[in-house]
């Protein structure tokens, strides 16, 4: 087995030590399990796609609206009231 040295905050080490005592599992084993869970989750997670890419075909497709819609607070005076 290989060795990896990392630096962690004191509070995280305390939490790790506490969990190690509670579960009767070594700190190294807890870290191995956490890393494995993170790697598995990362592989199965949906990759991040920016909002612009998701709605790219909609950007700029509307016309005829007010040119100051994003900056004029008058349009927001009754927002959320309906």
PDB file of N, CA and C in Angstrom:
ATOM      1  N   UNK A   1       0.849  -1.169   0.000  1.00  0.00           N
ATOM      2  CA  UNK A   1       0.000   0.000   0.000  1.00  0.00           C
ATOM      3  C   UNK A   1       0.895   1.232   0.000  1.00  0.00           C
ATOM      4  N   UNK A   2       0.500   2.258  -0.767  1.00  0.00           N
ATOM      5  CA  UNK A   2       1.254   3.504  -0.848  1.00  0.00           C
ATOM      6  C   UNK A   2       0.901   4.437   0.312  1.00  0.00           C
ATOM      7  N   UNK A   3       1.781   5.401   0.554  1.00  0.00           N
ATOM      8  CA  UNK A   3       1.567   6.388   1.600  1.00  0.00           C
ATOM      9  C   UNK A   3       1.351   7.749   0.965  1.00  0.00           C
ATOM     10  N   UNK A   4       0.366   8.484   1.475  1.00  0.00           N
ATOM     11  CA  UNK A   4       0.076   9.835   1.026  1.00  0.00           C
ATOM     12  C   UNK A   4       0.028  10.723   2.253  1.00  0.00           C
ATOM     13  N   UNK A   5       0.769  11.807   2.225  1.00  0.00           N
ATOM     14  CA  UNK A   5       0.781  12.745   3.343  1.00  0.00           C
ATOM     15  C   UNK A   5      -0.004  13.977   2.938  1.00  0.00           C
ATOM     16  N   UNK A   6      -0.942  14.383   3.784  1.00  0.00           N
ATOM     17  CA  UNK A   6      -1.743  15.569   3.508  1.00  0.00           C
ATOM     18  C   UNK A   6      -1.758  16.464   4.739  1.00  0.00           C
ATOM     19  N   UNK A   7      -2.067  17.728   4.513  1.00  0.00           N
ATOM     20  CA  UNK A   7      -2.220  18.676   5.615  1.00  0.00           C
ATOM     21  C   UNK A   7      -3.706  18.981   5.749  1.00  0.00           C
ATOM     22  N   UNK A   8      -4.224  18.888   6.978  1.00  0.00           N
ATOM     23  CA  UNK A   8      -5.627  19.174   7.233  1.00  0.00           C
ATOM     24  C   UNK A   8      -5.732  20.101   8.441  1.00  0.00           C
ATOM     25  N   UNK A   9      -6.804  20.870   8.509  1.00  0.00           N
ATOM     26  CA  UNK A   9      -6.991  21.749   9.665  1.00  0.00           C
ATOM     27  C   UNK A   9      -7.142  20.924  10.949  1.00  0.00           C
ATOM     28  N   UNK A  10      -6.783  21.539  12.051  1.00  0.00           N
ATOM     29  CA  UNK A  10      -6.858  20.852  13.345  1.00  0.00           C
ATOM     30  C   UNK A  10      -8.273  20.386  13.654  1.00  0.00           C
ATOM     31  N   UNK A  11      -9.253  21.188  13.300  1.00  0.00           N
ATOM     32  CA  UNK A  11     -10.645  20.810  13.588  1.00  0.00           C
ATOM     33  C   UNK A  11     -11.051  19.561  12.815  1.00  0.00           C
ATOM     34  N   UNK A  12     -10.594  19.449  11.575  1.00  0.00           N
ATOM     35  CA  UNK A  12     -10.901  18.259  10.777  1.00  0.00           C
ATOM     36  C   UNK A  12     -10.214  17.031  11.363  1.00  0.00           C
ATOM     37  N   UNK A  13      -8.997  17.190  11.829  1.00  0.00           N
ATOM     38  CA  UNK A  13      -8.282  16.070  12.448  1.00  0.00           C
ATOM     39  C   UNK A  13      -8.991  15.629  13.719  1.00  0.00           C
ATOM     40  N   UNK A  14      -9.494  16.582  14.490  1.00  0.00           N
ATOM     41  CA  UNK A  14     -10.225  16.245  15.710  1.00  0.00           C
ATOM     42  C   UNK A  14     -11.496  15.472  15.385  1.00  0.00           C
ATOM     43  N   UNK A  15     -12.216  15.908  14.377  1.00  0.00           N
ATOM     44  CA  UNK A  15     -13.427  15.200  13.952  1.00  0.00           C
ATOM     45  C   UNK A  15     -13.089  13.791  13.482  1.00  0.00           C
ATOM     46  N   UNK A  16     -12.011  13.678  12.731  1.00  0.00           N
ATOM     47  CA  UNK A  16     -11.577  12.381  12.235  1.00  0.00           C
ATOM     48  C   UNK A  16     -11.194  11.455  13.385  1.00  0.00           C
ATOM     49  N   UNK A  17     -10.458  11.979  14.347  1.00  0.00           N
ATOM     50  CA  UNK A  17     -10.054  11.181  15.513  1.00  0.00           C
ATOM     51  C   UNK A  17     -11.271  10.743  16.318  1.00  0.00           C
ATOM     52  N   UNK A  18     -12.227  11.653  16.481  1.00  0.00           N
ATOM     53  CA  UNK A  18     -13.445  11.338  17.232  1.00  0.00           C
ATOM     54  C   UNK A  18     -14.232  10.226  16.533  1.00  0.00           C
ATOM     55  N   UNK A  19     -14.401  10.347  15.230  1.00  0.00           N
ATOM     56  CA  UNK A  19     -15.120   9.329  14.463  1.00  0.00           C
ATOM     57  C   UNK A  19     -14.377   8.002  14.491  1.00  0.00           C
ATOM     58  N   UNK A  20     -13.067   8.068  14.440  1.00  0.00           N
ATOM     59  CA  UNK A  20     -12.250   6.858  14.508  1.00  0.00           C
ATOM     60  C   UNK A  20     -12.483   6.110  15.822  1.00  0.00           C
ATOM     61  N   UNK A  21     -12.541   6.848  16.907  1.00  0.00           N
ATOM     62  CA  UNK A  21     -12.788   6.225  18.212  1.00  0.00           C
ATOM     63  C   UNK A  21     -14.207   5.674  18.295  1.00  0.00           C
ATOM     64  N   UNK A  22     -15.170   6.428  17.784  1.00  0.00           N
ATOM     65  CA  UNK A  22     -16.566   5.991  17.840  1.00  0.00           C
ATOM     66  C   UNK A  22     -16.801   4.709  17.053  1.00  0.00           C
ATOM     67  N   UNK A  23     -16.199   4.618  15.890  1.00  0.00           N
ATOM     68  CA  UNK A  23     -16.455   3.493  14.984  1.00  0.00           C
ATOM     69  C   UNK A  23     -15.440   2.369  15.115  1.00  0.00           C
ATOM     70  N   UNK A  24     -14.389   2.622  15.890  1.00  0.00           N
ATOM     71  CA  UNK A  24     -13.305   1.632  16.041  1.00  0.00           C
ATOM     72  C   UNK A  24     -12.675   1.293  14.685  1.00  0.00           C
ATOM     73  N   UNK A  25     -12.539   2.325  13.860  1.00  0.00           N
ATOM     74  CA  UNK A  25     -11.913   2.210  12.543  1.00  0.00           C
ATOM     75  C   UNK A  25     -10.767   3.201  12.519  1.00  0.00           C
ATOM     76  N   UNK A  26      -9.636   2.792  11.942  1.00  0.00           N
ATOM     77  CA  UNK A  26      -8.474   3.685  11.926  1.00  0.00           C
ATOM     78  C   UNK A  26      -8.764   4.946  11.101  1.00  0.00           C
ATOM     79  N   UNK A  27      -8.044   6.016  11.429  1.00  0.00           N
ATOM     80  CA  UNK A  27      -8.190   7.260  10.673  1.00  0.00           C
ATOM     81  C   UNK A  27      -7.832   7.031   9.207  1.00  0.00           C
ATOM     82  N   UNK A  28      -6.808   6.237   8.963  1.00  0.00           N
ATOM     83  CA  UNK A  28      -6.414   5.954   7.576  1.00  0.00           C
ATOM     84  C   UNK A  28      -7.534   5.268   6.811  1.00  0.00           C
ATOM     85  N   UNK A  29      -8.199   4.314   7.450  1.00  0.00           N
ATOM     86  CA  UNK A  29      -9.292   3.607   6.783  1.00  0.00           C
ATOM     87  C   UNK A  29     -10.462   4.545   6.517  1.00  0.00           C
ATOM     88  N   UNK A  30     -10.757   5.423   7.458  1.00  0.00           N
ATOM     89  CA  UNK A  30     -11.837   6.392   7.244  1.00  0.00           C
ATOM     90  C   UNK A  30     -11.530   7.312   6.063  1.00  0.00           C
ATOM     91  N   UNK A  31     -10.292   7.767   5.976  1.00  0.00           N
ATOM     92  CA  UNK A  31      -9.898   8.642   4.859  1.00  0.00           C
ATOM     93  C   UNK A  31      -9.958   7.878   3.543  1.00  0.00           C
ATOM     94  N   UNK A  32      -9.510   6.620   3.531  1.00  0.00           N
ATOM     95  CA  UNK A  32      -9.593   5.806   2.308  1.00  0.00           C
ATOM     96  C   UNK A  32     -11.042   5.663   1.856  1.00  0.00           C
ATOM     97  N   UNK A  33     -11.931   5.388   2.797  1.00  0.00           N
ATOM     98  CA  UNK A  33     -13.348   5.234   2.461  1.00  0.00           C
ATOM     99  C   UNK A  33     -13.931   6.539   1.916  1.00  0.00           C
ATOM    100  N   UNK A  34     -13.567   7.644   2.538  1.00  0.00           N
ATOM    101  CA  UNK A  34     -14.075   8.945   2.093  1.00  0.00           C
ATOM    102  C   UNK A  34     -13.569   9.273   0.689  1.00  0.00           C
ATOM    103  N   UNK A  35     -12.308   9.015   0.433  1.00  0.00           N
ATOM    104  CA  UNK A  35     -11.757   9.277  -0.897  1.00  0.00           C
ATOM    105  C   UNK A  35     -12.417   8.398  -1.949  1.00  0.00           C
ATOM    106  N   UNK A  36     -12.620   7.142  -1.624  1.00  0.00           N
ATOM    107  CA  UNK A  36     -13.266   6.235  -2.566  1.00  0.00           C
ATOM    108  C   UNK A  36     -14.693   6.690  -2.856  1.00  0.00           C
ATOM    109  N   UNK A  37     -15.439   7.073  -1.817  1.00  0.00           N
ATOM    110  CA  UNK A  37     -16.808   7.551  -2.014  1.00  0.00           C
ATOM    111  C   UNK A  37     -16.825   8.801  -2.884  1.00  0.00           C
ATOM    112  N   UNK A  38     -15.879   9.704  -2.666  1.00  0.00           N
ATOM    113  CA  UNK A  38     -15.794  10.928  -3.463  1.00  0.00           C
ATOM    114  C   UNK A  38     -15.502  10.611  -4.923  1.00  0.00           C
ATOM    115  N   UNK A  39     -14.585   9.692  -5.161  1.00  0.00           N
ATOM    116  CA  UNK A  39     -14.220   9.333  -6.533  1.00  0.00           C
ATOM    117  C   UNK A  39     -15.395   8.671  -7.241  1.00  0.00           C
ATOM    118  N   UNK A  40     -16.076   7.759  -6.570  1.00  0.00           N
ATOM    119  CA  UNK A  40     -17.231   7.093  -7.169  1.00  0.00           C
ATOM    120  C   UNK A  40     -18.324   8.106  -7.482  1.00  0.00           C
ATOM    121  N   UNK A  41     -18.592   9.018  -6.550  1.00  0.00           N
ATOM    122  CA  UNK A  41     -19.612  10.039  -6.766  1.00  0.00           C
ATOM    123  C   UNK A  41     -19.216  10.953  -7.927  1.00  0.00           C
ATOM    124  N   UNK A  42     -17.957  11.312  -8.005  1.00  0.00           N
ATOM    125  CA  UNK A  42     -17.496  12.201  -9.076  1.00  0.00           C
ATOM    126  C   UNK A  42     -17.663  11.566 -10.442  1.00  0.00           C
ATOM    127  N   UNK A  43     -17.429  10.270 -10.520  1.00  0.00           N
ATOM    128  CA  UNK A  43     -17.567   9.579 -11.805  1.00  0.00           C
ATOM    129  C   UNK A  43     -19.015   9.455 -12.236  1.00  0.00           C
ATOM    130  N   UNK A  44     -19.926   9.326 -11.284  1.00  0.00           N
ATOM    131  CA  UNK A  44     -21.327   9.124 -11.627  1.00  0.00           C
ATOM    132  C   UNK A  44     -22.106  10.433 -11.713  1.00  0.00           C
ATOM    133  N   UNK A  45     -21.514  11.521 -11.250  1.00  0.00           N
ATOM    134  CA  UNK A  45     -22.216  12.806 -11.249  1.00  0.00           C
ATOM    135  C   UNK A  45     -22.333  13.353 -12.669  1.00  0.00           C
ATOM    136  N   UNK A  46     -23.423  14.063 -12.889  1.00  0.00           N
ATOM    137  CA  UNK A  46     -23.617  14.728 -14.169  1.00  0.00           C
ATOM    138  C   UNK A  46     -22.617  15.871 -14.266  1.00  0.00           C
ATOM    139  N   UNK A  47     -21.887  15.958 -15.372  1.00  0.00           N
ATOM    140  CA  UNK A  47     -20.901  17.037 -15.492  1.00  0.00           C
ATOM    141  C   UNK A  47     -21.570  18.411 -15.486  1.00  0.00           C
ATOM    142  N   UNK A  48     -20.853  19.388 -14.990  1.00  0.00           N
ATOM    143  CA  UNK A  48     -21.358  20.757 -14.925  1.00  0.00           C
ATOM    144  C   UNK A  48     -21.514  21.318 -16.331  1.00  0.00           C
ATOM    145  N   UNK A  49     -22.681  21.863 -16.603  1.00  0.00           N
ATOM    146  CA  UNK A  49     -22.941  22.519 -17.885  1.00  0.00           C
ATOM    147  C   UNK A  49     -23.437  23.927 -17.567  1.00  0.00           C
ATOM    148  N   UNK A  50     -22.718  24.955 -18.020  1.00  0.00           N
ATOM    149  CA  UNK A  50     -23.132  26.332 -17.739  1.00  0.00           C
ATOM    150  C   UNK A  50     -24.532  26.623 -18.274  1.00  0.00           C
ATOM    151  N   UNK A  51     -25.232  27.533 -17.611  1.00  0.00           N
ATOM    152  CA  UNK A  51     -26.598  27.895 -18.004  1.00  0.00           C
ATOM    153  C   UNK A  51     -26.646  28.396 -19.441  1.00  0.00           C
ATOM    154  N   UNK A  52     -25.634  29.137 -19.855  1.00  0.00           N
ATOM    155  CA  UNK A  52     -25.618  29.655 -21.226  1.00  0.00           C
ATOM    156  C   UNK A  52     -25.608  28.511 -22.240  1.00  0.00           C
ATOM    157  N   UNK A  53     -24.872  27.437 -21.935  1.00  0.00           N
ATOM    158  CA  UNK A  53     -24.842  26.292 -22.842  1.00  0.00           C
ATOM    159  C   UNK A  53     -26.187  25.560 -22.848  1.00  0.00           C
ATOM    160  N   UNK A  54     -26.841  25.505 -21.698  1.00  0.00           N
ATOM    161  CA  UNK A  54     -28.124  24.815 -21.608  1.00  0.00           C
ATOM    162  C   UNK A  54     -29.231  25.576 -22.332  1.00  0.00           C
ATOM    163  N   UNK A  55     -29.184  26.886 -22.298  1.00  0.00           N
ATOM    164  CA  UNK A  55     -30.234  27.705 -22.906  1.00  0.00           C
ATOM    165  C   UNK A  55     -29.699  28.509 -24.081  1.00  0.00           C
ATOM    166  N   UNK A  56     -28.602  28.081 -24.641  1.00  0.00           N
ATOM    167  CA  UNK A  56     -27.950  28.842 -25.703  1.00  0.00           C
ATOM    168  C   UNK A  56     -28.830  29.168 -26.878  1.00  0.00           C
ATOM    169  N   UNK A  57     -29.739  28.237 -27.258  1.00  0.00           N
ATOM    170  CA  UNK A  57     -30.585  28.505 -28.410  1.00  0.00           C
ATOM    171  C   UNK A  57     -31.689  29.517 -28.092  1.00  0.00           C
ATOM    172  N   UNK A  58     -31.912  29.786 -26.797  1.00  0.00           N
ATOM    173  CA  UNK A  58     -32.933  30.761 -26.412  1.00  0.00           C
ATOM    174  C   UNK A  58     -32.382  32.174 -26.265  1.00  0.00           C
ATOM    175  N   UNK A  59     -31.082  32.282 -26.066  1.00  0.00           N
ATOM    176  CA  UNK A  59     -30.467  33.589 -25.854  1.00  0.00           C
ATOM    177  C   UNK A  59     -30.597  34.420 -27.123  1.00  0.00           C
ATOM    178  N   UNK A  60     -31.215  35.575 -26.982  1.00  0.00           N
ATOM    179  CA  UNK A  60     -31.367  36.489 -28.106  1.00  0.00           C
ATOM    180  C   UNK A  60     -32.498  36.156 -29.054  1.00  0.00           C
ATOM    181  N   UNK A  61     -33.355  35.199 -28.707  1.00  0.00           N
ATOM    182  CA  UNK A  61     -34.415  34.814 -29.641  1.00  0.00           C
ATOM    183  C   UNK A  61     -35.687  35.649 -29.475  1.00  0.00           C
ATOM    184  N   UNK A  62     -35.745  36.500 -28.463  1.00  0.00           N
ATOM    185  CA  UNK A  62     -36.920  37.334 -28.244  1.00  0.00           C
ATOM    186  C   UNK A  62     -36.637  38.756 -28.721  1.00  0.00           C
ATOM    187  N   UNK A  63     -37.633  39.376 -29.283  1.00  0.00           N
ATOM    188  CA  UNK A  63     -37.455  40.761 -29.718  1.00  0.00           C
ATOM    189  C   UNK A  63     -38.698  41.565 -29.355  1.00  0.00           C
ATOM    190  N   UNK A  64     -38.565  42.866 -29.337  1.00  0.00           N
ATOM    191  CA  UNK A  64     -39.703  43.730 -29.079  1.00  0.00           C
ATOM    192  C   UNK A  64     -39.900  44.100 -27.626  1.00  0.00           C
ATOM    193  N   UNK A  65     -39.117  43.546 -26.709  1.00  0.00           N
ATOM    194  CA  UNK A  65     -39.240  43.887 -25.301  1.00  0.00           C
ATOM    195  C   UNK A  65     -38.530  45.191 -25.006  1.00  0.00           C
ATOM    196  N   UNK A  66     -38.710  45.701 -23.796  1.00  0.00           N
ATOM    197  CA  UNK A  66     -38.031  46.950 -23.430  1.00  0.00           C
ATOM    198  C   UNK A  66     -36.517  46.768 -23.400  1.00  0.00           C
ATOM    199  N   UNK A  67     -35.795  47.753 -23.863  1.00  0.00           N
ATOM    200  CA  UNK A  67     -34.334  47.648 -23.931  1.00  0.00           C
ATOM    201  C   UNK A  67     -33.671  47.772 -22.562  1.00  0.00           C
ATOM    202  N   UNK A  68     -34.406  48.311 -21.583  1.00  0.00           N
ATOM    203  CA  UNK A  68     -33.829  48.502 -20.258  1.00  0.00           C
ATOM    204  C   UNK A  68     -34.438  47.547 -19.219  1.00  0.00           C
ATOM    205  N   UNK A  69     -34.934  46.401 -19.637  1.00  0.00           N
ATOM    206  CA  UNK A  69     -35.614  45.464 -18.755  1.00  0.00           C
ATOM    207  C   UNK A  69     -34.732  45.010 -17.589  1.00  0.00           C
ATOM    208  N   UNK A  70     -33.457  44.835 -17.818  1.00  0.00           N
ATOM    209  CA  UNK A  70     -32.580  44.336 -16.758  1.00  0.00           C
ATOM    210  C   UNK A  70     -32.097  45.417 -15.807  1.00  0.00           C
ATOM    211  N   UNK A  71     -32.303  46.675 -16.141  1.00  0.00           N
ATOM    212  CA  UNK A  71     -31.768  47.743 -15.300  1.00  0.00           C
ATOM    213  C   UNK A  71     -32.815  48.710 -14.747  1.00  0.00           C
ATOM    214  N   UNK A  72     -34.011  48.684 -15.270  1.00  0.00           N
ATOM    215  CA  UNK A  72     -35.044  49.620 -14.827  1.00  0.00           C
ATOM    216  C   UNK A  72     -35.868  48.974 -13.713  1.00  0.00           C
ATOM    217  N   UNK A  73     -35.776  49.523 -12.507  1.00  0.00           N
ATOM    218  CA  UNK A  73     -36.472  48.953 -11.348  1.00  0.00           C
ATOM    219  C   UNK A  73     -37.985  49.136 -11.432  1.00  0.00           C
ATOM    220  N   UNK A  74     -38.462  49.983 -12.309  1.00  0.00           N
ATOM    221  CA  UNK A  74     -39.909  50.184 -12.478  1.00  0.00           C
ATOM    222  C   UNK A  74     -40.602  48.869 -12.854  1.00  0.00           C
ATOM    223  N   UNK A  75     -39.909  48.007 -13.586  1.00  0.00           N
ATOM    224  CA  UNK A  75     -40.486  46.727 -13.996  1.00  0.00           C
ATOM    225  C   UNK A  75     -40.625  45.747 -12.840  1.00  0.00           C
ATOM    226  N   UNK A  76     -39.935  46.003 -11.751  1.00  0.00           N
ATOM    227  CA  UNK A  76     -39.936  45.083 -10.617  1.00  0.00           C
ATOM    228  C   UNK A  76     -40.828  45.524  -9.466  1.00  0.00           C
ATOM    229  N   UNK A  77     -41.540  46.639  -9.592  1.00  0.00           N
ATOM    230  CA  UNK A  77     -42.274  47.189  -8.453  1.00  0.00           C
ATOM    231  C   UNK A  77     -43.337  46.240  -7.900  1.00  0.00           C
ATOM    232  N   UNK A  78     -43.989  45.439  -8.732  1.00  0.00           N
ATOM    233  CA  UNK A  78     -44.977  44.494  -8.224  1.00  0.00           C
ATOM    234  C   UNK A  78     -44.535  43.035  -8.439  1.00  0.00           C
ATOM    235  N   UNK A  79     -43.268  42.842  -8.606  1.00  0.00           N
ATOM    236  CA  UNK A  79     -42.722  41.491  -8.816  1.00  0.00           C
ATOM    237  C   UNK A  79     -43.007  40.610  -7.601  1.00  0.00           C
ATOM    238  N   UNK A  80     -43.543  39.439  -7.821  1.00  0.00           N
ATOM    239  CA  UNK A  80     -43.834  38.516  -6.730  1.00  0.00           C
ATOM    240  C   UNK A  80     -45.158  38.748  -6.043  1.00  0.00           C
ATOM    241  N   UNK A  81     -45.921  39.735  -6.487  1.00  0.00           N
ATOM    242  CA  UNK A  81     -47.191  40.062  -5.856  1.00  0.00           C
ATOM    243  C   UNK A  81     -48.358  39.288  -6.449  1.00  0.00           C
ATOM    244  N   UNK A  82     -48.162  38.682  -7.568  1.00  0.00           N
ATOM    245  CA  UNK A  82     -49.256  37.968  -8.239  1.00  0.00           C
ATOM    246  C   UNK A  82     -49.209  36.502  -7.967  1.00  0.00           C
TER     247      UNK A  82
END
